[in-house]
Amino acid sequence: MKPYKIQKEFLSTVLNNNKTIQNKDQEIYQELILYRFKEVLSSTYPIFTKYTNEVELETLIKDFILSGCHTPYVWKIAEEFKEYLYTKRQLTLIQKEILEFELRQIKIYVKNDYIKSGNISYKKAYRLSKNASVMMLNYNIIDETFISDKGYILIYKNPYDFQVYHLSISKFLYYFFKYQRGNNTINKSIYLACKRVNINYSDTKNIVKETIIGFVNDGILI
């Protein structure tokens, strides 16, 4: 029998939800396997696991190990878990947003984009760094709690302590970041975002000047 098939059969036996384990060795293996996966996924998705019933979470993890986990790399388990839940489970909108929000934080944490040096010019083309991401949420985040209130957030890695943070941003800034791509200059992105949210371009340009300079200095725009 091929090693992969032996491994799958072993996992199927150890993680079988439909029977009580009589073999003490199998019970120990089950606890070890579940503990390791739960440890990895809980550290990646602390909010999702916090708001998921313990029994339901264990069932999800068992099913994922048996039919959704294919990677040999620990750091890829979180992404495969999200993909598995998205395709094989009926998730609520808030569950999907929590998973996406938490996975983006992990992806940003392992990135290391450079910071553009030199004078900042509104006539230069910048882009959103790989150290940052913006999301439009149907459930806003306040103190790590998702509430039913549409919002916009910026997730970013601080270049000084290398920790990942998030903050609420305006609808204008959300679209400003979305338009900051290709050959769009800062001026053009401000104009397009103003047009999208129906606010005055000239006034807005003066108001957001210091904010945008801060984004460039912190490596959020490069």
Protein backbone atom coordinates (compact mmCIF):
# COMPACT_ATOMS: atom_id res chain seq x y z
CA MET A 1 0.00 0.00 0.00
CA LYS A 2 1.34 3.45 -0.88
CA PRO A 3 2.50 5.67 2.04
CA TYR A 4 -0.01 8.40 1.18
CA LYS A 5 -2.91 5.93 1.23
CA ILE A 6 -1.70 4.47 4.53
CA GLN A 7 -1.54 8.00 5.97
CA LYS A 8 -5.06 8.85 4.81
CA GLU A 9 -6.47 5.61 6.21
CA PHE A 10 -4.71 6.22 9.50
CA LEU A 11 -6.12 9.74 9.77
CA SER A 12 -9.57 8.52 8.78
CA THR A 13 -9.48 5.92 11.56
CA VAL A 14 -8.09 8.25 14.20
CA LEU A 15 -10.38 11.18 13.38
CA ASN A 16 -13.59 9.23 12.73
CA ASN A 17 -16.46 11.14 14.31
CA ASN A 18 -18.90 8.23 14.07
CA LYS A 19 -17.34 5.83 16.53
CA THR A 20 -15.84 5.87 19.99
CA ILE A 21 -12.11 5.19 20.05
CA GLN A 22 -11.29 2.11 22.11
CA ASN A 23 -7.58 1.99 21.38
CA LYS A 24 -5.67 4.20 23.83
CA ASP A 25 -2.85 4.80 21.33
CA GLN A 26 -5.30 6.03 18.70
CA GLU A 27 -6.92 8.30 21.25
CA ILE A 28 -3.53 9.85 22.04
CA TYR A 29 -2.79 10.33 18.32
CA GLN A 30 -6.18 11.99 17.85
CA GLU A 31 -5.53 14.40 20.69
CA LEU A 32 -2.07 15.23 19.36
CA ILE A 33 -3.27 15.80 15.79
CA LEU A 34 -6.24 17.90 16.83
CA TYR A 35 -4.15 19.89 19.30
CA ARG A 36 -1.55 20.74 16.65
CA PHE A 37 -4.07 21.82 14.04
CA LYS A 38 -6.16 23.71 16.58
CA GLU A 39 -3.02 25.48 17.81
CA VAL A 40 -2.08 26.59 14.29
CA LEU A 41 -5.58 27.66 13.30
CA SER A 42 -6.36 29.39 16.60
CA SER A 43 -3.20 31.48 16.33
CA THR A 44 -4.13 32.44 12.77
CA TYR A 45 -7.85 32.93 13.31
CA PRO A 46 -8.24 34.01 16.97
CA ILE A 47 -11.49 35.87 16.33
CA PHE A 48 -13.03 33.12 14.22
CA THR A 49 -12.15 30.38 16.72
CA LYS A 50 -13.27 32.54 19.65
CA TYR A 51 -16.76 32.92 18.19
CA THR A 52 -17.10 29.31 16.97
CA ASN A 53 -18.63 26.67 19.22
CA GLU A 54 -15.96 24.26 20.53
CA VAL A 55 -17.74 21.14 19.23
CA GLU A 56 -18.37 22.73 15.84
CA LEU A 57 -14.76 23.89 15.62
CA GLU A 58 -13.44 20.40 16.33
CA THR A 59 -15.72 18.94 13.67
CA LEU A 60 -14.56 21.54 11.13
CA ILE A 61 -10.92 20.80 11.88
CA LYS A 62 -11.40 17.03 11.60
CA ASP A 63 -13.20 17.35 8.28
CA PHE A 64 -10.54 19.75 7.04
CA ILE A 65 -7.70 17.38 7.95
CA LEU A 66 -9.40 14.50 6.13
CA SER A 67 -10.55 16.22 2.96
CA GLY A 68 -9.24 19.78 2.74
CA CYS A 69 -5.64 19.84 3.94
CA HIS A 70 -3.07 19.05 1.27
CA THR A 71 -0.06 21.20 2.10
CA PRO A 72 2.99 19.86 3.95
CA TYR A 73 3.80 23.41 5.11
CA VAL A 74 2.43 24.67 8.44
CA TRP A 75 2.32 28.29 7.26
CA LYS A 76 -0.04 27.33 4.39
CA ILE A 77 -2.55 25.49 6.57
CA ALA A 78 -4.47 28.66 7.43
CA GLU A 79 -5.08 29.55 3.77
CA GLU A 80 -6.19 26.01 2.90
CA PHE A 81 -8.53 26.02 5.91
CA LYS A 82 -10.18 29.22 4.66
CA GLU A 83 -10.50 27.83 1.13
CA TYR A 84 -11.97 24.60 2.46
CA LEU A 85 -14.59 26.42 4.54
CA TYR A 86 -15.47 28.74 1.65
CA THR A 87 -16.09 25.85 -0.77
CA LYS A 88 -17.35 23.04 1.47
CA ARG A 89 -19.27 24.82 4.22
CA GLN A 90 -22.22 27.18 4.40
CA LEU A 91 -20.66 30.19 6.08
CA THR A 92 -22.42 33.35 7.16
CA LEU A 93 -21.26 36.66 5.73
CA ILE A 94 -19.71 37.65 9.05
CA GLN A 95 -17.76 34.36 9.23
CA LYS A 96 -16.37 34.94 5.73
CA GLU A 97 -15.33 38.48 6.58
CA ILE A 98 -13.62 37.40 9.80
CA LEU A 99 -11.65 34.68 7.98
CA GLU A 100 -10.61 37.05 5.19
CA PHE A 101 -9.65 39.80 7.63
CA GLU A 102 -7.50 37.51 9.78
CA LEU A 103 -5.83 35.76 6.83
CA ARG A 104 -4.86 39.10 5.30
CA GLN A 105 -3.10 40.03 8.53
CA ILE A 106 -1.00 36.86 8.34
CA LYS A 107 -0.13 37.42 4.67
CA ILE A 108 0.93 40.99 5.39
CA TYR A 109 3.02 39.89 8.37
CA VAL A 110 5.19 37.62 6.18
CA LYS A 111 5.64 40.24 3.44
CA ASN A 112 8.52 42.68 3.38
CA ASP A 113 8.02 45.36 0.73
CA TYR A 114 10.46 48.23 0.44
CA ILE A 115 9.83 51.88 1.31
CA LYS A 116 10.23 54.38 -1.52
CA SER A 117 12.82 57.02 -0.65
CA GLY A 118 13.13 60.57 -1.94
CA ASN A 119 10.81 63.54 -2.02
CA ILE A 120 7.09 62.87 -2.11
CA SER A 121 5.34 64.21 -5.19
CA TYR A 122 1.63 64.29 -5.97
CA LYS A 123 2.63 63.93 -9.61
CA LYS A 124 4.34 60.56 -9.07
CA ALA A 125 2.68 57.19 -9.45
CA TYR A 126 2.54 55.14 -6.25
CA ARG A 127 0.89 51.87 -5.36
CA LEU A 128 -0.41 50.19 -2.23
CA SER A 129 2.44 48.24 -0.65
CA LYS A 130 2.35 44.48 -0.16
CA ASN A 131 2.71 45.41 3.51
CA ALA A 132 -0.83 46.78 3.44
CA SER A 133 -4.37 45.97 2.32
CA VAL A 134 -7.77 47.64 2.36
CA MET A 135 -11.13 45.98 2.95
CA MET A 136 -14.75 47.02 2.66
CA LEU A 137 -16.73 45.28 5.41
CA ASN A 138 -20.41 44.71 5.98
CA TYR A 139 -19.52 44.14 9.65
CA ASN A 140 -17.20 46.77 11.08
CA ILE A 141 -14.50 45.91 13.61
CA ILE A 142 -14.45 47.64 16.98
CA ASP A 143 -12.09 46.30 19.67
CA GLU A 144 -11.79 42.97 17.83
CA THR A 145 -15.58 42.60 17.78
CA PHE A 146 -17.50 42.57 14.51
CA ILE A 147 -20.67 44.66 14.60
CA SER A 148 -23.38 45.08 11.99
CA ASP A 149 -22.15 48.35 10.58
CA LYS A 150 -20.58 48.85 7.16
CA GLY A 151 -17.04 50.10 7.33
CA TYR A 152 -13.68 50.42 5.60
CA ILE A 153 -10.36 49.37 7.09
CA LEU A 154 -6.67 49.58 6.32
CA ILE A 155 -4.50 46.64 7.43
CA TYR A 156 -0.79 47.41 7.48
CA LYS A 157 2.59 46.39 8.89
CA ASN A 158 4.38 49.03 10.90
CA PRO A 159 7.92 49.41 9.48
CA TYR A 160 9.38 50.18 12.91
CA ASP A 161 8.10 47.37 15.14
CA PHE A 162 7.07 45.01 12.26
CA GLN A 163 3.69 44.35 13.88
CA VAL A 164 0.43 44.27 11.88
CA TYR A 165 -2.29 46.76 12.77
CA HIS A 166 -5.61 47.86 11.36
CA LEU A 167 -7.51 51.11 11.48
CA SER A 168 -10.83 52.43 10.25
CA ILE A 169 -10.61 54.67 7.22
CA SER A 170 -13.09 56.81 5.34
CA LYS A 171 -14.88 55.71 2.21
CA PHE A 172 -12.82 58.29 0.31
CA LEU A 173 -9.50 56.79 1.50
CA TYR A 174 -10.69 53.28 0.66
CA TYR A 175 -11.28 54.29 -2.97
CA PHE A 176 -8.13 56.42 -3.01
CA PHE A 177 -6.10 53.30 -2.23
CA LYS A 178 -8.05 51.26 -4.78
CA TYR A 179 -7.28 53.82 -7.49
CA GLN A 180 -3.60 54.08 -6.50
CA ARG A 181 -2.41 51.62 -9.13
CA GLY A 182 -0.84 51.52 -12.56
CA ASN A 183 0.23 54.95 -13.74
CA ASN A 184 -2.24 56.85 -11.55
CA THR A 185 -0.53 59.70 -9.72
CA ILE A 186 -1.57 60.73 -6.21
CA ASN A 187 -3.41 63.68 -7.73
CA LYS A 188 -5.33 61.47 -10.13
CA SER A 189 -6.26 58.96 -7.42
CA ILE A 190 -7.54 61.77 -5.20
CA TYR A 191 -9.60 63.10 -8.10
CA LEU A 192 -11.07 59.68 -8.95
CA ALA A 193 -11.87 58.91 -5.33
CA CYS A 194 -13.52 62.31 -4.86
CA LYS A 195 -15.62 61.70 -7.94
CA ARG A 196 -16.58 58.22 -6.67
CA VAL A 197 -17.82 59.48 -3.28
CA ASN A 198 -19.07 62.81 -4.60
CA ILE A 199 -16.91 65.27 -2.63
CA ASN A 200 -14.99 68.39 -3.66
CA TYR A 201 -11.55 67.65 -5.12
CA SER A 202 -9.75 70.92 -4.27
CA ASP A 203 -10.83 70.97 -0.63
CA THR A 204 -10.12 67.28 -0.13
CA LYS A 205 -6.63 67.50 -1.64
CA ASN A 206 -5.58 70.06 0.97
CA ILE A 207 -7.20 68.17 3.86
CA VAL A 208 -5.59 64.78 3.13
CA LYS A 209 -2.10 66.08 2.26
CA GLU A 210 -0.46 65.26 5.62
CA THR A 211 -2.27 61.93 5.84
CA ILE A 212 -0.96 60.82 2.45
CA ILE A 213 2.58 61.94 3.30
CA GLY A 214 2.32 59.74 6.40
CA PHE A 215 1.22 56.76 4.28
CA VAL A 216 4.29 57.14 2.05
CA ASN A 217 6.68 57.62 4.98
CA ASP A 218 5.33 54.48 6.66
CA GLY A 219 5.67 52.37 3.52
CA ILE A 220 1.92 51.93 3.01
CA LEU A 221 2.21 53.67 -0.34
CA ILE A 222 5.38 52.98 -2.32
